[in-house]
C-alpha atoms as a PDB file:
ATOM      1  CA  MET A   1      97.900  15.071  -7.825  1.00  0.00           C
ATOM      2  CA  GLU A   2      97.817  17.629  -4.823  1.00  0.00           C
ATOM      3  CA  ILE A   3      95.350  15.403  -2.872  1.00  0.00           C
ATOM      4  CA  PHE A   4      97.964  12.522  -3.117  1.00  0.00           C
ATOM      5  CA  LEU A   5     100.984  14.674  -2.092  1.00  0.00           C
ATOM      6  CA  LEU A   6      98.924  15.661   1.101  1.00  0.00           C
ATOM      7  CA  ILE A   7      97.854  11.917   1.826  1.00  0.00           C
ATOM      8  CA  GLY A   8     101.772  10.906   1.430  1.00  0.00           C
ATOM      9  CA  SER A   9     102.631  13.776   3.901  1.00  0.00           C
ATOM     10  CA  LEU A  10     100.463  12.525   6.404  1.00  0.00           C
ATOM     11  CA  ALA A  11     100.879   8.932   6.049  1.00  0.00           C
ATOM     12  CA  GLY A  12     104.725   9.358   6.256  1.00  0.00           C
ATOM     13  CA  PHE A  13     104.620  11.544   9.346  1.00  0.00           C
ATOM     14  CA  LEU A  14     102.141   9.351  11.054  1.00  0.00           C
ATOM     15  CA  ALA A  15     104.395   6.179  10.119  1.00  0.00           C
ATOM     16  CA  GLY A  16     107.467   8.099  11.668  1.00  0.00           C
ATOM     17  CA  LEU A  17     105.572   9.308  14.588  1.00  0.00           C
ATOM     18  CA  LEU A  18     103.981   6.302  15.805  1.00  0.00           C
ATOM     19  CA  GLY A  19     105.811   3.510  14.318  1.00  0.00           C
ATOM     20  CA  VAL A  20     102.996   2.031  12.246  1.00  0.00           C
ATOM     21  CA  GLY A  21     103.260   0.941   8.810  1.00  0.00           C
ATOM     22  CA  GLY A  22     101.885   3.449   6.193  1.00  0.00           C
ATOM     23  CA  GLY A  23      99.539   0.894   4.822  1.00  0.00           C
ATOM     24  CA  VAL A  24      97.494   0.966   7.883  1.00  0.00           C
ATOM     25  CA  VAL A  25      96.852   4.569   7.058  1.00  0.00           C
ATOM     26  CA  LEU A  26      96.993   4.661   3.193  1.00  0.00           C
ATOM     27  CA  VAL A  27      94.230   1.837   2.371  1.00  0.00           C
ATOM     28  CA  PRO A  28      91.320   3.420   4.216  1.00  0.00           C
ATOM     29  CA  ILE A  29      92.332   6.881   2.697  1.00  0.00           C
ATOM     30  CA  LEU A  30      92.715   5.660  -0.694  1.00  0.00           C
ATOM     31  CA  VAL A  31      89.309   3.526  -0.507  1.00  0.00           C
ATOM     32  CA  TRP A  32      87.533   6.607   0.453  1.00  0.00           C
ATOM     33  CA  LEU A  33      89.156   8.599  -2.299  1.00  0.00           C
ATOM     34  CA  PHE A  34      88.829   6.152  -5.053  1.00  0.00           C
ATOM     35  CA  HIS A  35      85.383   5.365  -4.176  1.00  0.00           C
ATOM     36  CA  THR A  36      84.142   8.807  -3.812  1.00  0.00           C
ATOM     37  CA  ASN A  37      85.697  10.000  -6.759  1.00  0.00           C
ATOM     38  CA  GLN A  38      84.894   6.883  -8.802  1.00  0.00           C
ATOM     39  CA  ILE A  39      88.405   6.644  -9.792  1.00  0.00           C
ATOM     40  CA  VAL A  40      88.357   2.986  -9.706  1.00  0.00           C
ATOM     41  CA  ALA A  41      85.292   0.590 -10.465  1.00  0.00           C
ATOM     42  CA  SER A  42      84.132  -1.091  -7.322  1.00  0.00           C
ATOM     43  CA  ASP A  43      84.935  -4.692  -8.621  1.00  0.00           C
ATOM     44  CA  ASN A  44      88.498  -4.166  -8.587  1.00  0.00           C
ATOM     45  CA  LEU A  45      88.658  -1.242  -5.789  1.00  0.00           C
ATOM     46  CA  MET A  46      90.371  -3.217  -3.194  1.00  0.00           C
ATOM     47  CA  GLN A  47      92.902  -4.887  -5.664  1.00  0.00           C
ATOM     48  CA  VAL A  48      94.015  -1.384  -6.884  1.00  0.00           C
ATOM     49  CA  VAL A  49      94.260   0.130  -3.312  1.00  0.00           C
ATOM     50  CA  ILE A  50      96.296  -2.573  -2.255  1.00  0.00           C
ATOM     51  CA  GLY A  51      98.382  -2.928  -5.007  1.00  0.00           C
ATOM     52  CA  THR A  52      99.111   0.996  -5.098  1.00  0.00           C
ATOM     53  CA  THR A  53      99.675   1.065  -1.419  1.00  0.00           C
ATOM     54  CA  LEU A  54     102.414  -1.925  -1.777  1.00  0.00           C
ATOM     55  CA  ALA A  55     104.172   0.019  -4.654  1.00  0.00           C
ATOM     56  CA  THR A  56     104.588   2.957  -2.171  1.00  0.00           C
ATOM     57  CA  ILE A  57     105.780   0.769   0.555  1.00  0.00           C
ATOM     58  CA  VAL A  58     108.601  -0.369  -1.841  1.00  0.00           C
ATOM     59  CA  ILE A  59     110.081   3.236  -2.104  1.00  0.00           C
ATOM     60  CA  THR A  60     109.290   4.282   1.386  1.00  0.00           C
ATOM     61  CA  SER A  61     110.837   1.225   3.067  1.00  0.00           C
ATOM     62  CA  ILE A  62     114.175   1.863   1.618  1.00  0.00           C
ATOM     63  CA  ALA A  63     114.517   5.197   3.336  1.00  0.00           C
ATOM     64  CA  SER A  64     113.605   3.119   6.615  1.00  0.00           C
ATOM     65  CA  ILE A  65     115.974   0.437   6.012  1.00  0.00           C
ATOM     66  CA  THR A  66     118.727   2.943   5.635  1.00  0.00           C
ATOM     67  CA  ALA A  67     117.952   4.646   8.939  1.00  0.00           C
ATOM     68  CA  HIS A  68     117.846   1.254  10.894  1.00  0.00           C
ATOM     69  CA  HIS A  69     121.037   0.096   9.264  1.00  0.00           C
ATOM     70  CA  ARG A  70     122.659   3.258  10.235  1.00  0.00           C
ATOM     71  CA  HIS A  71     122.022   2.653  13.938  1.00  0.00           C
ATOM     72  CA  GLN A  72     123.083  -1.229  13.077  1.00  0.00           C
ATOM     73  CA  ALA A  73     119.925  -2.385  14.442  1.00  0.00           C
ATOM     74  CA  ILE A  74     118.808  -4.724  11.599  1.00  0.00           C
ATOM     75  CA  ILE A  75     119.757  -8.619  12.114  1.00  0.00           C
ATOM     76  CA  TRP A  76     120.306  -9.368   8.580  1.00  0.00           C
ATOM     77  CA  ASN A  77     120.767 -12.901   9.036  1.00  0.00           C
ATOM     78  CA  ILE A  78     117.042 -13.287  10.054  1.00  0.00           C
ATOM     79  CA  VAL A  79     115.877 -11.146   7.232  1.00  0.00           C
ATOM     80  CA  TRP A  80     117.637 -13.435   4.730  1.00  0.00           C
ATOM     81  CA  GLN A  81     116.097 -16.395   6.408  1.00  0.00           C
ATOM     82  CA  LEU A  82     112.529 -14.817   6.393  1.00  0.00           C
ATOM     83  CA  THR A  83     113.014 -13.473   2.552  1.00  0.00           C
ATOM     84  CA  PRO A  84     112.483 -16.665   0.623  1.00  0.00           C
ATOM     85  CA  GLY A  85     108.912 -17.525   2.409  1.00  0.00           C
ATOM     86  CA  ILE A  86     107.952 -13.798   2.254  1.00  0.00           C
ATOM     87  CA  ILE A  87     108.410 -13.605  -1.418  1.00  0.00           C
ATOM     88  CA  ILE A  88     106.488 -16.879  -2.180  1.00  0.00           C
ATOM     89  CA  GLY A  89     103.800 -15.568   0.411  1.00  0.00           C
ATOM     90  CA  ALA A  90     103.436 -12.155  -1.043  1.00  0.00           C
ATOM     91  CA  LEU A  91     103.152 -13.434  -4.479  1.00  0.00           C
ATOM     92  CA  CYS A  92     100.458 -16.206  -3.497  1.00  0.00           C
ATOM     93  CA  GLY A  93      98.702 -13.312  -1.612  1.00  0.00           C
ATOM     94  CA  ALA A  94      98.284 -11.331  -4.791  1.00  0.00           C
ATOM     95  CA  PHE A  95      97.148 -14.111  -6.728  1.00  0.00           C
ATOM     96  CA  ILE A  96      94.499 -14.957  -4.052  1.00  0.00           C
ATOM     97  CA  ALA A  97      93.352 -11.488  -3.815  1.00  0.00           C
ATOM     98  CA  ASN A  98      92.704 -11.590  -7.542  1.00  0.00           C
ATOM     99  CA  VAL A  99      90.118 -14.394  -7.125  1.00  0.00           C
ATOM    100  CA  LEU A 100      88.556 -12.961  -3.913  1.00  0.00           C
ATOM    101  CA  PRO A 101      85.584 -10.348  -4.275  1.00  0.00           C
ATOM    102  CA  SER A 102      86.777  -6.892  -3.340  1.00  0.00           C
ATOM    103  CA  GLU A 103      84.076  -6.965  -0.787  1.00  0.00           C
ATOM    104  CA  PHE A 104      85.791  -9.756   1.285  1.00  0.00           C
ATOM    105  CA  LEU A 105      89.148  -7.870   1.004  1.00  0.00           C
ATOM    106  CA  TYR A 106      87.512  -4.828   2.415  1.00  0.00           C
ATOM    107  CA  ASN A 107      86.075  -6.505   5.291  1.00  0.00           C
ATOM    108  CA  PHE A 108      89.327  -8.536   5.822  1.00  0.00           C
ATOM    109  CA  PHE A 109      91.184  -5.541   6.133  1.00  0.00           C
ATOM    110  CA  ALA A 110      88.588  -3.824   8.432  1.00  0.00           C
ATOM    111  CA  ILE A 111      88.916  -6.832  10.868  1.00  0.00           C
ATOM    112  CA  PHE A 112      92.917  -6.832  10.376  1.00  0.00           C
ATOM    113  CA  ILE A 113      93.087  -2.817  11.403  1.00  0.00           C
ATOM    114  CA  LEU A 114      90.846  -3.665  14.434  1.00  0.00           C
ATOM    115  CA  LEU A 115      93.329  -6.174  15.521  1.00  0.00           C
ATOM    116  CA  VAL A 116      96.219  -3.638  14.935  1.00  0.00           C
ATOM    117  CA  ALA A 117      94.245  -1.064  17.269  1.00  0.00           C
ATOM    118  CA  ILE A 118      93.956  -3.689  20.002  1.00  0.00           C
ATOM    119  CA  GLN A 119      97.890  -4.300  19.581  1.00  0.00           C
ATOM    120  CA  LEU A 120      98.606  -0.590  19.859  1.00  0.00           C
ATOM    121  CA  VAL A 121      96.106   0.331  22.760  1.00  0.00           C
ATOM    122  CA  PHE A 122      97.438  -2.630  25.049  1.00  0.00           C
ATOM    123  CA  ASN A 123     101.122  -2.671  23.383  1.00  0.00           C
ATOM    124  CA  ILE A 124     100.754  -6.498  23.210  1.00  0.00           C
ATOM    125  CA  TYR A 125     103.953  -8.547  22.613  1.00  0.00           C
ATOM    126  CA  PRO A 126     104.255 -12.219  23.516  1.00  0.00           C
ATOM    127  CA  ALA A 127     106.432 -13.049  26.280  1.00  0.00           C
ATOM    128  CA  LYS A 128     110.014 -14.185  25.146  1.00  0.00           C
ATOM    129  CA  HIS A 129     110.287 -17.698  24.226  1.00  0.00           C
ATOM    130  CA  ARG A 130     113.332 -19.427  23.010  1.00  0.00           C
ATOM    131  CA  ARG A 131     115.859 -19.424  20.348  1.00  0.00           C
ATOM    132  CA  LEU A 132     114.834 -18.981  16.655  1.00  0.00           C
ATOM    133  CA  PRO A 133     113.424 -22.263  15.081  1.00  0.00           C
ATOM    134  CA  ASN A 134     114.644 -24.156  12.062  1.00  0.00           C
ATOM    135  CA  LYS A 135     114.781 -22.615   8.638  1.00  0.00           C
ATOM    136  CA  LEU A 136     111.644 -24.647   7.565  1.00  0.00           C
ATOM    137  CA  ILE A 137     109.469 -22.982  10.115  1.00  0.00           C
ATOM    138  CA  ILE A 138     111.093 -19.595   9.569  1.00  0.00           C
ATOM    139  CA  THR A 139     110.234 -19.943   6.022  1.00  0.00           C
ATOM    140  CA  THR A 140     106.821 -21.004   6.556  1.00  0.00           C
ATOM    141  CA  VAL A 141     106.165 -18.078   8.862  1.00  0.00           C
ATOM    142  CA  GLY A 142     107.686 -15.590   6.258  1.00  0.00           C
ATOM    143  CA  ALA A 143     105.237 -16.972   3.975  1.00  0.00           C
ATOM    144  CA  ILE A 144     102.279 -16.507   6.193  1.00  0.00           C
ATOM    145  CA  ILE A 145     103.588 -12.803   7.043  1.00  0.00           C
ATOM    146  CA  GLY A 146     103.863 -12.183   3.139  1.00  0.00           C
ATOM    147  CA  SER A 147     100.571 -13.791   2.171  1.00  0.00           C
ATOM    148  CA  VAL A 148      98.574 -11.649   4.763  1.00  0.00           C
ATOM    149  CA  SER A 149     100.692  -8.656   4.067  1.00  0.00           C
ATOM    150  CA  SER A 150      99.892  -8.837   0.472  1.00  0.00           C
ATOM    151  CA  LEU A 151      96.155  -9.170   1.048  1.00  0.00           C
ATOM    152  CA  VAL A 152      95.924  -6.108   3.337  1.00  0.00           C
ATOM    153  CA  GLY A 153      98.486  -3.955   1.925  1.00  0.00           C
ATOM    154  CA  ILE A 154     100.995  -3.707   4.552  1.00  0.00           C
ATOM    155  CA  GLY A 155     104.810  -4.101   5.225  1.00  0.00           C
ATOM    156  CA  GLY A 156     104.083  -6.991   7.756  1.00  0.00           C
ATOM    157  CA  GLY A 157     105.310  -5.307  10.859  1.00  0.00           C
ATOM    158  CA  SER A 158     102.369  -5.791  12.814  1.00  0.00           C
ATOM    159  CA  MET A 159     103.108  -9.610  12.405  1.00  0.00           C
ATOM    160  CA  THR A 160     106.477  -9.741  12.021  1.00  0.00           C
ATOM    161  CA  VAL A 161     107.799  -7.892  15.362  1.00  0.00           C
ATOM    162  CA  PRO A 162     105.711  -9.986  17.641  1.00  0.00           C
ATOM    163  CA  PHE A 163     107.145 -13.109  15.994  1.00  0.00           C
ATOM    164  CA  LEU A 164     110.737 -11.931  16.590  1.00  0.00           C
ATOM    165  CA  VAL A 165     110.013 -10.843  19.896  1.00  0.00           C
ATOM    166  CA  TRP A 166     108.707 -13.925  20.956  1.00  0.00           C
ATOM    167  CA  TYR A 167     111.750 -15.516  20.069  1.00  0.00           C
ATOM    168  CA  ASN A 168     113.925 -13.336  22.174  1.00  0.00           C
ATOM    169  CA  ILE A 169     115.023 -10.590  19.757  1.00  0.00           C
ATOM    170  CA  SER A 170     114.620  -7.121  21.417  1.00  0.00           C
ATOM    171  CA  VAL A 171     111.917  -4.946  20.556  1.00  0.00           C
ATOM    172  CA  ARG A 172     114.196  -2.433  19.041  1.00  0.00           C
ATOM    173  CA  ASN A 173     115.927  -5.052  16.746  1.00  0.00           C
ATOM    174  CA  ALA A 174     112.674  -6.535  15.871  1.00  0.00           C
ATOM    175  CA  ILE A 175     111.232  -3.265  14.522  1.00  0.00           C
ATOM    176  CA  ALA A 176     114.297  -2.570  12.585  1.00  0.00           C
ATOM    177  CA  THR A 177     114.449  -6.133  11.224  1.00  0.00           C
ATOM    178  CA  SER A 178     110.890  -6.107  10.456  1.00  0.00           C
ATOM    179  CA  ALA A 179     111.315  -2.850   8.549  1.00  0.00           C
ATOM    180  CA  ALA A 180     113.915  -4.719   6.258  1.00  0.00           C
ATOM    181  CA  CYS A 181     111.481  -7.481   5.630  1.00  0.00           C
ATOM    182  CA  GLY A 182     108.900  -4.911   4.492  1.00  0.00           C
ATOM    183  CA  PHE A 183     110.788  -4.170   1.207  1.00  0.00           C
ATOM    184  CA  PRO A 184     110.642  -7.954  -0.097  1.00  0.00           C
ATOM    185  CA  ILE A 185     107.125  -8.178   1.031  1.00  0.00           C
ATOM    186  CA  ALA A 186     106.125  -4.953  -0.864  1.00  0.00           C
ATOM    187  CA  LEU A 187     108.313  -5.710  -4.088  1.00  0.00           C
ATOM    188  CA  ALA A 188     107.130  -9.257  -4.564  1.00  0.00           C
ATOM    189  CA  GLY A 189     103.474  -8.045  -3.573  1.00  0.00           C
ATOM    190  CA  THR A 190     103.625  -5.228  -6.087  1.00  0.00           C
ATOM    191  CA  PHE A 191     105.005  -7.429  -8.850  1.00  0.00           C
ATOM    192  CA  GLY A 192     102.166  -9.694  -8.273  1.00  0.00           C
ATOM    193  CA  PHE A 193      99.593  -7.168  -8.536  1.00  0.00           C
ATOM    194  CA  ILE A 194     101.089  -5.807 -11.732  1.00  0.00           C
ATOM    195  CA  ILE A 195     101.053  -9.276 -13.097  1.00  0.00           C
ATOM    196  CA  ILE A 196      97.384 -10.145 -12.137  1.00  0.00           C
ATOM    197  CA  GLY A 197      96.100  -6.656 -13.140  1.00  0.00           C
ATOM    198  CA  TRP A 198      97.821  -6.763 -16.267  1.00  0.00           C
ATOM    199  CA  GLN A 199      94.463  -6.695 -18.254  1.00  0.00           C
ATOM    200  CA  TYR A 200      93.516  -3.552 -16.129  1.00  0.00           C
ATOM    201  CA  THR A 201      96.545  -1.585 -17.555  1.00  0.00           C
ATOM    202  CA  GLU A 202      95.480   1.744 -19.132  1.00  0.00           C
ATOM    203  CA  THR A 203      96.714   5.494 -19.228  1.00  0.00           C
ATOM    204  CA  ALA A 204      96.630   5.798 -15.333  1.00  0.00           C
ATOM    205  CA  HIS A 205      96.926   2.111 -14.429  1.00  0.00           C
ATOM    206  CA  PHE A 206      99.900  -0.236 -14.440  1.00  0.00           C
ATOM    207  CA  GLY A 207      98.398  -3.655 -13.575  1.00  0.00           C
ATOM    208  CA  TYR A 208      96.654  -2.907 -10.461  1.00  0.00           C
ATOM    209  CA  ILE A 209      98.878   0.174  -9.440  1.00  0.00           C
ATOM    210  CA  TYR A 210      97.204   3.533  -9.876  1.00  0.00           C
ATOM    211  CA  TRP A 211     100.836   5.378 -10.799  1.00  0.00           C
ATOM    212  CA  PRO A 212      99.325   9.144 -10.070  1.00  0.00           C
ATOM    213  CA  ALA A 213      98.879   7.983  -6.573  1.00  0.00           C
ATOM    214  CA  LEU A 214     102.208   6.417  -6.280  1.00  0.00           C
ATOM    215  CA  VAL A 215     103.929   9.399  -7.881  1.00  0.00           C
ATOM    216  CA  GLY A 216     102.162  11.940  -5.387  1.00  0.00           C
ATOM    217  CA  ILE A 217     102.407   9.617  -2.254  1.00  0.00           C
ATOM    218  CA  ALA A 218     105.955   8.225  -2.361  1.00  0.00           C
ATOM    219  CA  PRO A 219     108.008  11.313  -2.273  1.00  0.00           C
ATOM    220  CA  THR A 220     106.010  13.226   0.153  1.00  0.00           C
ATOM    221  CA  SER A 221     105.867  10.324   2.517  1.00  0.00           C
ATOM    222  CA  LEU A 222     109.513   9.875   2.314  1.00  0.00           C
ATOM    223  CA  LEU A 223     110.120  13.645   3.223  1.00  0.00           C
ATOM    224  CA  PHE A 224     107.658  13.479   6.199  1.00  0.00           C
ATOM    225  CA  ALA A 225     108.530  10.104   7.721  1.00  0.00           C
ATOM    226  CA  PRO A 226     111.789  11.477   9.356  1.00  0.00           C
ATOM    227  CA  LEU A 227     109.793  14.605  10.541  1.00  0.00           C
ATOM    228  CA  GLY A 228     107.483  12.159  12.654  1.00  0.00           C
ATOM    229  CA  ALA A 229     110.173  10.126  13.732  1.00  0.00           C
ATOM    230  CA  LYS A 230     112.030  13.324  15.150  1.00  0.00           C
ATOM    231  CA  VAL A 231     108.862  14.605  16.529  1.00  0.00           C
ATOM    232  CA  ALA A 232     108.315  10.913  18.343  1.00  0.00           C
ATOM    233  CA  HIS A 233     111.623  11.480  20.232  1.00  0.00           C
ATOM    234  CA  THR A 234     110.345  14.990  21.758  1.00  0.00           C
ATOM    235  CA  ILE A 235     106.877  14.028  23.005  1.00  0.00           C
ATOM    236  CA  SER A 236     105.387  10.609  24.687  1.00  0.00           C
ATOM    237  CA  THR A 237     103.606   8.759  21.954  1.00  0.00           C
ATOM    238  CA  THR A 238     101.710   6.690  24.204  1.00  0.00           C
ATOM    239  CA  ILE A 239      98.800   8.720  24.330  1.00  0.00           C
ATOM    240  CA  LEU A 240      98.850   9.469  20.686  1.00  0.00           C
ATOM    241  CA  LYS A 241      98.948   5.683  19.884  1.00  0.00           C
ATOM    242  CA  ARG A 242      95.794   5.267  21.688  1.00  0.00           C
ATOM    243  CA  PHE A 243      94.254   8.165  19.941  1.00  0.00           C
ATOM    244  CA  PHE A 244      95.409   6.279  16.759  1.00  0.00           C
ATOM    245  CA  ALA A 245      94.045   3.259  17.872  1.00  0.00           C
ATOM    246  CA  VAL A 246      90.565   4.776  18.581  1.00  0.00           C
ATOM    247  CA  PHE A 247      90.650   6.250  14.958  1.00  0.00           C
ATOM    248  CA  LEU A 248      91.289   2.839  13.542  1.00  0.00           C
ATOM    249  CA  VAL A 249      88.485   1.383  15.502  1.00  0.00           C
ATOM    250  CA  ILE A 250      86.179   3.995  14.153  1.00  0.00           C
ATOM    251  CA  VAL A 251      87.444   3.405  10.746  1.00  0.00           C
ATOM    252  CA  GLY A 252      87.393  -0.349  11.111  1.00  0.00           C
ATOM    253  CA  CYS A 253      83.835  -0.535  12.453  1.00  0.00           C
ATOM    254  CA  LYS A 254      82.572   2.079   9.508  1.00  0.00           C
ATOM    255  CA  MET A 255      84.049  -0.248   7.022  1.00  0.00           C
ATOM    256  CA  LEU A 256      82.351  -3.287   8.296  1.00  0.00           C
ATOM    257  CA  MET A 257      79.098  -1.523   8.502  1.00  0.00           C
END
């Protein structure tokens, strides 16, 4: 249990400091931990890692939403428009993950974090484009964001933020609104991984959720995220983000190899 408390502290601090989702940190660490200690069978390794990570995001996203709402930065109208597609996509993503080999999910995540690293290094945001599209397109985009997020165990910020910025939403509001969207992504994804992994339920597992990790990671992540955010306001995070991006590149390449 102590190791999960430490992992939660690190993930929460980095999430607050660098503005990255906890899933980007948690997934590779849990893969290494579960594999090294043979906690989870290799056939279900990624499913359990992703399901557990999404379950922690359900809890930690509430604190993030509260903080952003306090600063009136969340555009709730957009959240409500994206949520139906997000829920459908996240559930579909969980069911897709159940039929894909764990090795495929492993490599898919590795490629994904390499793309996140590129975005961090170059601070890539699309040029502002036009007003938000119609509800059908927003729902479709929400479904894509939800499904990909559910496949890699993240809150979707690396996709939601660029999408909103492209449609003339300020980066500040886009980040806050994306944080609010992370809750339905994580909730629907967690529900999906419980259902598809129900036959896997045993003493330490609830579906594809490894509850000892959830109980250890979530509380410390909640405690240390505000500390990371506080430190972020006292130092320049540009160099830190680049160092973290290099770390992600190393992890991504190692996973692929």
